[in-house]
Each structure stands twice: as structure tokens, then as C-alpha cells.
């Protein structure tokens, strides 16, 4: 398994992005799930692997708009 950690702009909470993505059927993990401090509040983790299929490209596009 390969996981990508993406840093968000500081005004954009990973929890907020998680909630918006979930409403669209996109599963990501907010950084807060993995640490016991708020240090990673502005990070999300995306699981990925090979091959990168066209449906995944559309999900990434939707994720960029989810917030």
C-alpha cells in the first residue's frame, strides 16, 4: 500500500475536507486521526496504488473541489 500525505492551506481543516469528500463518496483520512496533537490538522492521507484508473482521476478532481 502506498499513502500520500497532502498538506492543505492552513485555513482548510482536514476534518472539513474529510466531511465534504465523504458526502461525495470519496474516502480520505484527516491527519488528526493519526496523531494525538493538532500538528497535522492541515494534512490529509490518500491511499493509492497502481494502476491509476480514470475513475480515480475524477475522484481526485472532486476532492480538489470538496471543502
Protein backbone atom coordinates (compact mmCIF):
# COMPACT_ATOMS: atom_id res chain seq x y z
CA UNK A 1 0.00 0.00 0.00
CA UNK A 2 1.15 3.49 -0.79
CA UNK A 3 -0.15 6.53 1.07
CA UNK A 4 0.25 10.14 0.00
CA UNK A 5 0.29 12.86 2.64
CA UNK A 6 -1.06 16.14 1.30
CA UNK A 7 -0.60 19.42 3.15
CA UNK A 8 -3.60 21.73 2.91
CA UNK A 9 -3.63 25.50 3.27
CA UNK A 10 -3.79 26.41 6.97
CA UNK A 11 -7.29 27.83 6.73
CA UNK A 12 -8.61 24.49 5.41
CA UNK A 13 -9.15 21.87 8.12
CA UNK A 14 -8.60 18.25 7.12
CA UNK A 15 -11.78 17.34 9.03
CA UNK A 16 -13.76 19.76 6.87
CA UNK A 17 -12.29 18.27 3.67
CA UNK A 18 -12.94 14.76 5.01
CA UNK A 19 -16.62 15.54 5.64
CA UNK A 20 -17.08 17.13 2.21
CA UNK A 21 -15.30 14.27 0.44
CA UNK A 22 -17.33 11.66 2.31
CA UNK A 23 -20.56 13.27 1.09
CA UNK A 24 -19.28 12.62 -2.45
CA UNK A 25 -18.34 9.01 -1.73
CA UNK A 26 -14.62 9.74 -1.58
CA UNK A 27 -12.72 8.23 1.34
CA UNK A 28 -9.66 10.01 2.66
CA UNK A 29 -8.21 10.24 6.13
CA UNK A 30 -7.76 13.50 8.04
CA UNK A 31 -4.33 13.85 9.59
CA UNK A 32 -5.88 14.23 13.03
CA UNK A 33 -6.72 10.50 13.00
CA UNK A 34 -3.07 9.51 13.17
CA UNK A 35 -1.61 11.82 15.82
CA UNK A 36 -2.60 12.91 19.30
CA UNK A 37 -1.94 16.59 18.65
CA UNK A 38 -3.28 19.21 16.24
CA UNK A 39 0.06 19.37 14.49
CA UNK A 40 -1.35 17.56 11.43
CA UNK A 41 -4.74 19.26 11.31
CA UNK A 42 -3.96 20.58 7.84
CA UNK A 43 -2.90 17.26 6.29
CA UNK A 44 -4.89 14.51 4.63
CA UNK A 45 -3.80 10.99 3.78
CA UNK A 46 -4.82 9.45 0.47
CA UNK A 47 -4.29 5.74 -0.10
CA UNK A 48 -3.23 4.98 -3.62
CA UNK A 49 -1.66 2.33 -5.73
CA UNK A 50 -1.11 1.20 -9.25
CA UNK A 51 -2.73 1.31 -11.78
CA UNK A 52 -4.18 4.79 -11.70
CA UNK A 53 -7.59 4.35 -13.33
CA UNK A 54 -9.73 7.05 -15.00
CA UNK A 55 -12.32 6.88 -12.19
CA UNK A 56 -9.57 7.75 -9.71
CA UNK A 57 -8.67 10.84 -11.71
CA UNK A 58 -12.28 12.05 -11.45
CA UNK A 59 -12.23 11.39 -7.68
CA UNK A 60 -9.08 13.47 -7.27
CA UNK A 61 -10.72 16.27 -9.25
CA UNK A 62 -13.80 16.08 -7.00
CA UNK A 63 -11.56 16.05 -3.92
CA UNK A 64 -9.90 19.27 -5.05
CA UNK A 65 -13.34 20.88 -5.08
CA UNK A 66 -14.53 19.35 -1.78
CA UNK A 67 -14.37 21.90 1.03
